[in-house]
Amino acid sequence: MEIARSKPDHAWLPSEVRNLLLQRYGIDIATGTVRAAMKRLLDEKVLARPDDSPNGFKLASTNGSRPEPPAEATDSAPDRYEPQSELPASRDRSE
């Protein structure tokens, strides 16, 4: 995300992100792994495809769409864990 925010209007390719991760932070990650992470962020609407090309990824907010804030994203997630009320104390059923 830090790399994408550095140039919000740029359509980032996974290979570019991979190269910058290596140059800036010394992190050597396979391009396929970076691509998978970027696709997850695309599914979460944090990243979006550029309007003029099916290639690359941009910050979603630069394409006119707005990503859901993290708290709302958690609230709207399917199969979200809902804490249950306290369960009654165990009873001795050996009678």
PDB file of N, CA and C in Angstrom:
ATOM      1  N   MET A   1       0.827  -1.183   0.000  1.00  0.00           N
ATOM      2  CA  MET A   1       0.000   0.000   0.000  1.00  0.00           C
ATOM      3  C   MET A   1       0.878   1.256   0.000  1.00  0.00           C
ATOM      4  N   GLU A   2       1.961   1.207   0.734  1.00  0.00           N
ATOM      5  CA  GLU A   2       2.854   2.368   0.784  1.00  0.00           C
ATOM      6  C   GLU A   2       3.385   2.696  -0.604  1.00  0.00           C
ATOM      7  N   ILE A   3       3.724   1.685  -1.361  1.00  0.00           N
ATOM      8  CA  ILE A   3       4.231   1.910  -2.718  1.00  0.00           C
ATOM      9  C   ILE A   3       3.126   2.480  -3.600  1.00  0.00           C
ATOM     10  N   ALA A   4       1.931   1.930  -3.540  1.00  0.00           N
ATOM     11  CA  ALA A   4       0.818   2.431  -4.345  1.00  0.00           C
ATOM     12  C   ALA A   4       0.486   3.874  -3.984  1.00  0.00           C
ATOM     13  N   ARG A   5       0.553   4.207  -2.708  1.00  0.00           N
ATOM     14  CA  ARG A   5       0.267   5.580  -2.269  1.00  0.00           C
ATOM     15  C   ARG A   5       1.338   6.567  -2.723  1.00  0.00           C
ATOM     16  N   SER A   6       2.549   6.082  -2.993  1.00  0.00           N
ATOM     17  CA  SER A   6       3.620   6.985  -3.407  1.00  0.00           C
ATOM     18  C   SER A   6       3.337   7.624  -4.765  1.00  0.00           C
ATOM     19  N   LYS A   7       2.576   6.955  -5.610  1.00  0.00           N
ATOM     20  CA  LYS A   7       2.142   7.487  -6.910  1.00  0.00           C
ATOM     21  C   LYS A   7       0.705   7.005  -7.125  1.00  0.00           C
ATOM     22  N   PRO A   8      -0.280   7.644  -6.520  1.00  0.00           N
ATOM     23  CA  PRO A   8      -1.650   7.136  -6.561  1.00  0.00           C
ATOM     24  C   PRO A   8      -2.271   7.046  -7.949  1.00  0.00           C
ATOM     25  N   ASP A   9      -1.799   7.840  -8.913  1.00  0.00           N
ATOM     26  CA  ASP A   9      -2.389   7.793 -10.254  1.00  0.00           C
ATOM     27  C   ASP A   9      -1.677   6.805 -11.182  1.00  0.00           C
ATOM     28  N   HIS A  10      -0.633   6.186 -10.689  1.00  0.00           N
ATOM     29  CA  HIS A  10       0.132   5.232 -11.502  1.00  0.00           C
ATOM     30  C   HIS A  10      -0.544   3.862 -11.471  1.00  0.00           C
ATOM     31  N   ALA A  11      -0.615   3.207 -12.626  1.00  0.00           N
ATOM     32  CA  ALA A  11      -1.114   1.833 -12.693  1.00  0.00           C
ATOM     33  C   ALA A  11       0.070   0.906 -12.419  1.00  0.00           C
ATOM     34  N   TRP A  12       0.090   0.327 -11.234  1.00  0.00           N
ATOM     35  CA  TRP A  12       1.217  -0.491 -10.789  1.00  0.00           C
ATOM     36  C   TRP A  12       1.109  -1.912 -11.311  1.00  0.00           C
ATOM     37  N   LEU A  13       2.187  -2.404 -11.865  1.00  0.00           N
ATOM     38  CA  LEU A  13       2.295  -3.803 -12.251  1.00  0.00           C
ATOM     39  C   LEU A  13       2.934  -4.560 -11.087  1.00  0.00           C
ATOM     40  N   PRO A  14       2.561  -5.813 -10.886  1.00  0.00           N
ATOM     41  CA  PRO A  14       3.171  -6.586  -9.797  1.00  0.00           C
ATOM     42  C   PRO A  14       4.695  -6.626  -9.871  1.00  0.00           C
ATOM     43  N   SER A  15       5.243  -6.672 -11.081  1.00  0.00           N
ATOM     44  CA  SER A  15       6.712  -6.696 -11.211  1.00  0.00           C
ATOM     45  C   SER A  15       7.334  -5.389 -10.733  1.00  0.00           C
ATOM     46  N   GLU A  16       6.654  -4.265 -10.958  1.00  0.00           N
ATOM     47  CA  GLU A  16       7.175  -2.980 -10.473  1.00  0.00           C
ATOM     48  C   GLU A  16       7.173  -2.951  -8.944  1.00  0.00           C
ATOM     49  N   VAL A  17       6.090  -3.417  -8.353  1.00  0.00           N
ATOM     50  CA  VAL A  17       5.990  -3.436  -6.894  1.00  0.00           C
ATOM     51  C   VAL A  17       7.059  -4.358  -6.325  1.00  0.00           C
ATOM     52  N   ARG A  18       7.232  -5.512  -6.947  1.00  0.00           N
ATOM     53  CA  ARG A  18       8.256  -6.459  -6.497  1.00  0.00           C
ATOM     54  C   ARG A  18       9.637  -5.821  -6.527  1.00  0.00           C
ATOM     55  N   ASN A  19       9.954  -5.121  -7.625  1.00  0.00           N
ATOM     56  CA  ASN A  19      11.270  -4.483  -7.753  1.00  0.00           C
ATOM     57  C   ASN A  19      11.468  -3.387  -6.706  1.00  0.00           C
ATOM     58  N   LEU A  20      10.431  -2.600  -6.445  1.00  0.00           N
ATOM     59  CA  LEU A  20      10.549  -1.549  -5.429  1.00  0.00           C
ATOM     60  C   LEU A  20      10.675  -2.130  -4.023  1.00  0.00           C
ATOM     61  N   LEU A  21       9.972  -3.229  -3.750  1.00  0.00           N
ATOM     62  CA  LEU A  21      10.123  -3.883  -2.443  1.00  0.00           C
ATOM     63  C   LEU A  21      11.572  -4.327  -2.234  1.00  0.00           C
ATOM     64  N   LEU A  22      12.166  -4.828  -3.293  1.00  0.00           N
ATOM     65  CA  LEU A  22      13.561  -5.267  -3.210  1.00  0.00           C
ATOM     66  C   LEU A  22      14.509  -4.075  -3.055  1.00  0.00           C
ATOM     67  N   GLN A  23      14.311  -3.032  -3.863  1.00  0.00           N
ATOM     68  CA  GLN A  23      15.198  -1.860  -3.812  1.00  0.00           C
ATOM     69  C   GLN A  23      15.072  -1.096  -2.497  1.00  0.00           C
ATOM     70  N   ARG A  24      13.842  -0.817  -2.080  1.00  0.00           N
ATOM     71  CA  ARG A  24      13.628   0.034  -0.904  1.00  0.00           C
ATOM     72  C   ARG A  24      13.831  -0.687   0.425  1.00  0.00           C
ATOM     73  N   TYR A  25      13.386  -1.941   0.475  1.00  0.00           N
ATOM     74  CA  TYR A  25      13.339  -2.632   1.771  1.00  0.00           C
ATOM     75  C   TYR A  25      14.174  -3.905   1.824  1.00  0.00           C
ATOM     76  N   GLY A  26      14.763  -4.286   0.689  1.00  0.00           N
ATOM     77  CA  GLY A  26      15.538  -5.515   0.661  1.00  0.00           C
ATOM     78  C   GLY A  26      14.683  -6.771   0.772  1.00  0.00           C
ATOM     79  N   ILE A  27      13.403  -6.645   0.462  1.00  0.00           N
ATOM     80  CA  ILE A  27      12.473  -7.777   0.547  1.00  0.00           C
ATOM     81  C   ILE A  27      12.379  -8.430  -0.826  1.00  0.00           C
ATOM     82  N   ASP A  28      12.782  -9.692  -0.909  1.00  0.00           N
ATOM     83  CA  ASP A  28      12.757 -10.426  -2.170  1.00  0.00           C
ATOM     84  C   ASP A  28      11.543 -11.343  -2.181  1.00  0.00           C
ATOM     85  N   ILE A  29      10.499 -10.940  -2.885  1.00  0.00           N
ATOM     86  CA  ILE A  29       9.252 -11.700  -2.965  1.00  0.00           C
ATOM     87  C   ILE A  29       9.000 -12.033  -4.426  1.00  0.00           C
ATOM     88  N   ALA A  30       8.522 -13.211  -4.694  1.00  0.00           N
ATOM     89  CA  ALA A  30       8.202 -13.616  -6.057  1.00  0.00           C
ATOM     90  C   ALA A  30       7.093 -12.722  -6.626  1.00  0.00           C
ATOM     91  N   THR A  31       7.189 -12.411  -7.905  1.00  0.00           N
ATOM     92  CA  THR A  31       6.193 -11.567  -8.564  1.00  0.00           C
ATOM     93  C   THR A  31       4.796 -12.173  -8.437  1.00  0.00           C
ATOM     94  N   GLY A  32       4.682 -13.488  -8.521  1.00  0.00           N
ATOM     95  CA  GLY A  32       3.382 -14.151  -8.384  1.00  0.00           C
ATOM     96  C   GLY A  32       2.757 -13.924  -7.015  1.00  0.00           C
ATOM     97  N   THR A  33       3.580 -13.875  -5.997  1.00  0.00           N
ATOM     98  CA  THR A  33       3.082 -13.615  -4.639  1.00  0.00           C
ATOM     99  C   THR A  33       2.581 -12.183  -4.523  1.00  0.00           C
ATOM    100  N   VAL A  34       3.316 -11.246  -5.112  1.00  0.00           N
ATOM    101  CA  VAL A  34       2.885  -9.846  -5.109  1.00  0.00           C
ATOM    102  C   VAL A  34       1.566  -9.725  -5.880  1.00  0.00           C
ATOM    103  N   ARG A  35       1.465 -10.392  -7.029  1.00  0.00           N
ATOM    104  CA  ARG A  35       0.245 -10.359  -7.839  1.00  0.00           C
ATOM    105  C   ARG A  35      -0.947 -10.891  -7.040  1.00  0.00           C
ATOM    106  N   ALA A  36      -0.750 -11.987  -6.336  1.00  0.00           N
ATOM    107  CA  ALA A  36      -1.836 -12.571  -5.530  1.00  0.00           C
ATOM    108  C   ALA A  36      -2.291 -11.598  -4.444  1.00  0.00           C
ATOM    109  N   ALA A  37      -1.340 -10.925  -3.802  1.00  0.00           N
ATOM    110  CA  ALA A  37      -1.689  -9.945  -2.763  1.00  0.00           C
ATOM    111  C   ALA A  37      -2.451  -8.778  -3.374  1.00  0.00           C
ATOM    112  N   MET A  38      -2.025  -8.330  -4.538  1.00  0.00           N
ATOM    113  CA  MET A  38      -2.696  -7.212  -5.195  1.00  0.00           C
ATOM    114  C   MET A  38      -4.107  -7.609  -5.636  1.00  0.00           C
ATOM    115  N   LYS A  39      -4.286  -8.850  -6.072  1.00  0.00           N
ATOM    116  CA  LYS A  39      -5.629  -9.317  -6.447  1.00  0.00           C
ATOM    117  C   LYS A  39      -6.537  -9.400  -5.226  1.00  0.00           C
ATOM    118  N   ARG A  40      -5.995  -9.801  -4.080  1.00  0.00           N
ATOM    119  CA  ARG A  40      -6.788  -9.803  -2.840  1.00  0.00           C
ATOM    120  C   ARG A  40      -7.244  -8.391  -2.500  1.00  0.00           C
ATOM    121  N   LEU A  41      -6.334  -7.434  -2.649  1.00  0.00           N
ATOM    122  CA  LEU A  41      -6.680  -6.032  -2.386  1.00  0.00           C
ATOM    123  C   LEU A  41      -7.675  -5.515  -3.424  1.00  0.00           C
ATOM    124  N   LEU A  42      -7.634  -6.054  -4.627  1.00  0.00           N
ATOM    125  CA  LEU A  42      -8.618  -5.717  -5.649  1.00  0.00           C
ATOM    126  C   LEU A  42      -9.991  -6.240  -5.228  1.00  0.00           C
ATOM    127  N   ASP A  43     -10.047  -7.482  -4.753  1.00  0.00           N
ATOM    128  CA  ASP A  43     -11.303  -8.073  -4.278  1.00  0.00           C
ATOM    129  C   ASP A  43     -11.871  -7.307  -3.086  1.00  0.00           C
ATOM    130  N   GLU A  44     -10.989  -6.767  -2.251  1.00  0.00           N
ATOM    131  CA  GLU A  44     -11.412  -6.009  -1.070  1.00  0.00           C
ATOM    132  C   GLU A  44     -11.701  -4.547  -1.398  1.00  0.00           C
ATOM    133  N   LYS A  45     -11.569  -4.201  -2.684  1.00  0.00           N
ATOM    134  CA  LYS A  45     -11.831  -2.846  -3.181  1.00  0.00           C
ATOM    135  C   LYS A  45     -10.885  -1.785  -2.611  1.00  0.00           C
ATOM    136  N   VAL A  46      -9.713  -2.224  -2.192  1.00  0.00           N
ATOM    137  CA  VAL A  46      -8.668  -1.294  -1.775  1.00  0.00           C
ATOM    138  C   VAL A  46      -7.922  -0.829  -3.023  1.00  0.00           C
ATOM    139  N   LEU A  47      -7.686  -1.765  -3.945  1.00  0.00           N
ATOM    140  CA  LEU A  47      -7.118  -1.459  -5.248  1.00  0.00           C
ATOM    141  C   LEU A  47      -8.203  -1.626  -6.299  1.00  0.00           C
ATOM    142  N   ALA A  48      -7.987  -1.012  -7.463  1.00  0.00           N
ATOM    143  CA  ALA A  48      -8.929  -1.121  -8.578  1.00  0.00           C
ATOM    144  C   ALA A  48      -8.132  -1.196  -9.870  1.00  0.00           C
ATOM    145  N   ARG A  49      -8.778  -1.666 -10.902  1.00  0.00           N
ATOM    146  CA  ARG A  49      -8.145  -1.653 -12.224  1.00  0.00           C
ATOM    147  C   ARG A  49      -8.212  -0.230 -12.773  1.00  0.00           C
ATOM    148  N   PRO A  50      -7.204   0.188 -13.526  1.00  0.00           N
ATOM    149  CA  PRO A  50      -7.252   1.517 -14.135  1.00  0.00           C
ATOM    150  C   PRO A  50      -8.433   1.617 -15.103  1.00  0.00           C
ATOM    151  N   ASP A  51      -8.988   2.806 -15.248  1.00  0.00           N
ATOM    152  CA  ASP A  51     -10.125   3.012 -16.144  1.00  0.00           C
ATOM    153  C   ASP A  51      -9.763   2.756 -17.599  1.00  0.00           C
ATOM    154  N   ASP A  52      -8.536   3.036 -17.974  1.00  0.00           N
ATOM    155  CA  ASP A  52      -8.133   2.971 -19.374  1.00  0.00           C
ATOM    156  C   ASP A  52      -7.390   1.693 -19.763  1.00  0.00           C
ATOM    157  N   SER A  53      -7.257   0.736 -18.850  1.00  0.00           N
ATOM    158  CA  SER A  53      -6.488  -0.465 -19.151  1.00  0.00           C
ATOM    159  C   SER A  53      -6.862  -1.602 -18.199  1.00  0.00           C
ATOM    160  N   PRO A  54      -6.867  -2.842 -18.695  1.00  0.00           N
ATOM    161  CA  PRO A  54      -7.114  -3.976 -17.795  1.00  0.00           C
ATOM    162  C   PRO A  54      -5.855  -4.413 -17.046  1.00  0.00           C
ATOM    163  N   ASN A  55      -4.725  -3.776 -17.351  1.00  0.00           N
ATOM    164  CA  ASN A  55      -3.456  -4.148 -16.730  1.00  0.00           C
ATOM    165  C   ASN A  55      -3.115  -3.212 -15.590  1.00  0.00           C
ATOM    166  N   GLY A  56      -2.525  -3.777 -14.566  1.00  0.00           N
ATOM    167  CA  GLY A  56      -2.059  -2.985 -13.447  1.00  0.00           C
ATOM    168  C   GLY A  56      -3.142  -2.761 -12.400  1.00  0.00           C
ATOM    169  N   PHE A  57      -2.744  -2.097 -11.331  1.00  0.00           N
ATOM    170  CA  PHE A  57      -3.612  -1.827 -10.189  1.00  0.00           C
ATOM    171  C   PHE A  57      -3.365  -0.394  -9.728  1.00  0.00           C
ATOM    172  N   LYS A  58      -4.440   0.289  -9.338  1.00  0.00           N
ATOM    173  CA  LYS A  58      -4.350   1.631  -8.758  1.00  0.00           C
ATOM    174  C   LYS A  58      -5.069   1.613  -7.426  1.00  0.00           C
ATOM    175  N   LEU A  59      -4.813   2.630  -6.623  1.00  0.00           N
ATOM    176  CA  LEU A  59      -5.616   2.786  -5.415  1.00  0.00           C
ATOM    177  C   LEU A  59      -7.065   2.994  -5.843  1.00  0.00           C
ATOM    178  N   ALA A  60      -7.983   2.348  -5.184  1.00  0.00           N
ATOM    179  CA  ALA A  60      -9.388   2.430  -5.574  1.00  0.00           C
ATOM    180  C   ALA A  60      -9.902   3.855  -5.512  1.00  0.00           C
ATOM    181  N   SER A  61      -9.490   4.632  -4.530  1.00  0.00           N
ATOM    182  CA  SER A  61      -9.996   5.993  -4.383  1.00  0.00           C
ATOM    183  C   SER A  61      -9.579   6.889  -5.545  1.00  0.00           C
ATOM    184  N   THR A  62      -8.515   6.551  -6.280  1.00  0.00           N
ATOM    185  CA  THR A  62      -8.099   7.378  -7.406  1.00  0.00           C
ATOM    186  C   THR A  62      -8.928   7.084  -8.642  1.00  0.00           C
ATOM    187  N   ASN A  63      -9.712   5.996  -8.624  1.00  0.00           N
ATOM    188  CA  ASN A  63     -10.573   5.659  -9.752  1.00  0.00           C
ATOM    189  C   ASN A  63     -11.998   6.120  -9.525  1.00  0.00           C
ATOM    190  N   GLY A  64     -12.247   6.879  -8.475  1.00  0.00           N
ATOM    191  CA  GLY A  64     -13.596   7.348  -8.212  1.00  0.00           C
ATOM    192  C   GLY A  64     -14.359   6.476  -7.251  1.00  0.00           C
ATOM    193  N   SER A  65     -13.909   5.255  -7.017  1.00  0.00           N
ATOM    194  CA  SER A  65     -14.581   4.405  -6.039  1.00  0.00           C
ATOM    195  C   SER A  65     -13.882   4.576  -4.704  1.00  0.00           C
ATOM    196  N   ARG A  66     -14.562   4.243  -3.665  1.00  0.00           N
ATOM    197  CA  ARG A  66     -13.967   4.387  -2.338  1.00  0.00           C
ATOM    198  C   ARG A  66     -13.984   3.038  -1.643  1.00  0.00           C
ATOM    199  N   PRO A  67     -12.838   2.613  -1.112  1.00  0.00           N
ATOM    200  CA  PRO A  67     -12.835   1.344  -0.381  1.00  0.00           C
ATOM    201  C   PRO A  67     -13.617   1.478   0.910  1.00  0.00           C
ATOM    202  N   GLU A  68     -14.207   0.377   1.334  1.00  0.00           N
ATOM    203  CA  GLU A  68     -14.945   0.346   2.588  1.00  0.00           C
ATOM    204  C   GLU A  68     -13.963   0.477   3.738  1.00  0.00           C
ATOM    205  N   PRO A  69     -14.231   1.316   4.737  1.00  0.00           N
ATOM    206  CA  PRO A  69     -13.325   1.402   5.887  1.00  0.00           C
ATOM    207  C   PRO A  69     -13.202   0.046   6.566  1.00  0.00           C
ATOM    208  N   PRO A  70     -12.066  -0.237   7.174  1.00  0.00           N
ATOM    209  CA  PRO A  70     -11.850  -1.557   7.769  1.00  0.00           C
ATOM    210  C   PRO A  70     -12.938  -1.996   8.741  1.00  0.00           C
ATOM    211  N   ALA A  71     -13.440  -1.125   9.603  1.00  0.00           N
ATOM    212  CA  ALA A  71     -14.465  -1.530  10.572  1.00  0.00           C
ATOM    213  C   ALA A  71     -15.738  -1.949   9.854  1.00  0.00           C
ATOM    214  N   GLU A  72     -16.139  -1.193   8.828  1.00  0.00           N
ATOM    215  CA  GLU A  72     -17.331  -1.553   8.083  1.00  0.00           C
ATOM    216  C   GLU A  72     -17.106  -2.815   7.273  1.00  0.00           C
ATOM    217  N   ALA A  73     -15.908  -2.983   6.747  1.00  0.00           N
ATOM    218  CA  ALA A  73     -15.614  -4.185   5.981  1.00  0.00           C
ATOM    219  C   ALA A  73     -15.761  -5.411   6.861  1.00  0.00           C
ATOM    220  N   THR A  74     -15.330  -5.315   8.110  1.00  0.00           N
ATOM    221  CA  THR A  74     -15.469  -6.427   9.042  1.00  0.00           C
ATOM    222  C   THR A  74     -16.933  -6.677   9.358  1.00  0.00           C
ATOM    223  N   ASP A  75     -17.704  -5.605   9.563  1.00  0.00           N
ATOM    224  CA  ASP A  75     -19.128  -5.744   9.881  1.00  0.00           C
ATOM    225  C   ASP A  75     -19.916  -6.360   8.744  1.00  0.00           C
ATOM    226  N   SER A  76     -19.515  -6.104   7.502  1.00  0.00           N
ATOM    227  CA  SER A  76     -20.289  -6.599   6.378  1.00  0.00           C
ATOM    228  C   SER A  76     -19.795  -7.944   5.865  1.00  0.00           C
ATOM    229  N   ALA A  77     -18.749  -8.474   6.454  1.00  0.00           N
ATOM    230  CA  ALA A  77     -18.187  -9.741   5.988  1.00  0.00           C
ATOM    231  C   ALA A  77     -19.152 -10.886   6.252  1.00  0.00           C
ATOM    232  N   PRO A  78     -19.349 -11.762   5.259  1.00  0.00           N
ATOM    233  CA  PRO A  78     -20.224 -12.913   5.488  1.00  0.00           C
ATOM    234  C   PRO A  78     -19.610 -13.863   6.497  1.00  0.00           C
ATOM    235  N   ASP A  79     -20.445 -14.581   7.190  1.00  0.00           N
ATOM    236  CA  ASP A  79     -20.004 -15.578   8.172  1.00  0.00           C
ATOM    237  C   ASP A  79     -19.125 -14.958   9.242  1.00  0.00           C
ATOM    238  N   ARG A  80     -19.408 -13.748   9.586  1.00  0.00           N
ATOM    239  CA  ARG A  80     -18.636 -13.055  10.611  1.00  0.00           C
ATOM    240  C   ARG A  80     -18.921 -13.691  11.958  1.00  0.00           C
ATOM    241  N   TYR A  81     -17.923 -13.800  12.802  1.00  0.00           N
ATOM    242  CA  TYR A  81     -18.087 -14.383  14.131  1.00  0.00           C
ATOM    243  C   TYR A  81     -18.900 -13.446  14.991  1.00  0.00           C
ATOM    244  N   GLU A  82     -19.955 -13.953  15.558  1.00  0.00           N
ATOM    245  CA  GLU A  82     -20.787 -13.182  16.488  1.00  0.00           C
ATOM    246  C   GLU A  82     -20.617 -13.802  17.869  1.00  0.00           C
ATOM    247  N   PRO A  83     -20.146 -13.040  18.853  1.00  0.00           N
ATOM    248  CA  PRO A  83     -20.014 -13.611  20.190  1.00  0.00           C
ATOM    249  C   PRO A  83     -21.388 -13.985  20.731  1.00  0.00           C
ATOM    250  N   GLN A  84     -21.473 -15.131  21.353  1.00  0.00           N
ATOM    251  CA  GLN A  84     -22.722 -15.604  21.917  1.00  0.00           C
ATOM    252  C   GLN A  84     -22.807 -15.201  23.377  1.00  0.00           C
ATOM    253  N   SER A  85     -24.031 -15.184  23.886  1.00  0.00           N
ATOM    254  CA  SER A  85     -24.186 -14.871  25.304  1.00  0.00           C
ATOM    255  C   SER A  85     -23.533 -15.975  26.116  1.00  0.00           C
ATOM    256  N   GLU A  86     -23.339 -15.707  27.370  1.00  0.00           N
ATOM    257  CA  GLU A  86     -22.691 -16.687  28.239  1.00  0.00           C
ATOM    258  C   GLU A  86     -23.477 -17.990  28.229  1.00  0.00           C
ATOM    259  N   LEU A  87     -22.788 -19.078  28.136  1.00  0.00           N
ATOM    260  CA  LEU A  87     -23.431 -20.382  28.195  1.00  0.00           C
ATOM    261  C   LEU A  87     -23.714 -20.731  29.649  1.00  0.00           C
ATOM    262  N   PRO A  88     -24.791 -21.465  29.894  1.00  0.00           N
ATOM    263  CA  PRO A  88     -25.068 -21.850  31.285  1.00  0.00           C
ATOM    264  C   PRO A  88     -23.972 -22.758  31.811  1.00  0.00           C
ATOM    265  N   ALA A  89     -23.802 -22.728  33.116  1.00  0.00           N
ATOM    266  CA  ALA A  89     -22.787 -23.566  33.740  1.00  0.00           C
ATOM    267  C   ALA A  89     -23.101 -25.042  33.481  1.00  0.00           C
ATOM    268  N   SER A  90     -22.057 -25.845  33.396  1.00  0.00           N
ATOM    269  CA  SER A  90     -22.254 -27.279  33.165  1.00  0.00           C
ATOM    270  C   SER A  90     -23.006 -27.900  34.324  1.00  0.00           C
ATOM    271  N   ARG A  91     -23.854 -28.855  33.969  1.00  0.00           N
ATOM    272  CA  ARG A  91     -24.561 -29.582  35.030  1.00  0.00           C
ATOM    273  C   ARG A  91     -24.023 -30.991  35.090  1.00  0.00           C
ATOM    274  N   ASP A  92     -24.064 -31.548  36.253  1.00  0.00           N
ATOM    275  CA  ASP A  92     -23.654 -32.932  36.428  1.00  0.00           C
ATOM    276  C   ASP A  92     -24.786 -33.806  35.928  1.00  0.00           C
ATOM    277  N   ARG A  93     -24.574 -34.542  34.850  1.00  0.00           N
ATOM    278  CA  ARG A  93     -25.619 -35.361  34.236  1.00  0.00           C
ATOM    279  C   ARG A  93     -25.462 -36.837  34.601  1.00  0.00           C
ATOM    280  N   SER A  94     -24.707 -37.131  35.644  1.00  0.00           N
ATOM    281  CA  SER A  94     -24.464 -38.526  36.011  1.00  0.00           C
ATOM    282  C   SER A  94     -25.609 -39.124  36.824  1.00  0.00           C
ATOM    283  N   GLU A  95     -26.635 -38.353  37.127  1.00  0.00           N
ATOM    284  CA  GLU A  95     -27.737 -38.866  37.961  1.00  0.00           C
ATOM    285  C   GLU A  95     -28.555 -39.892  37.265  1.00  0.00           C
TER     286      GLU A  95
END
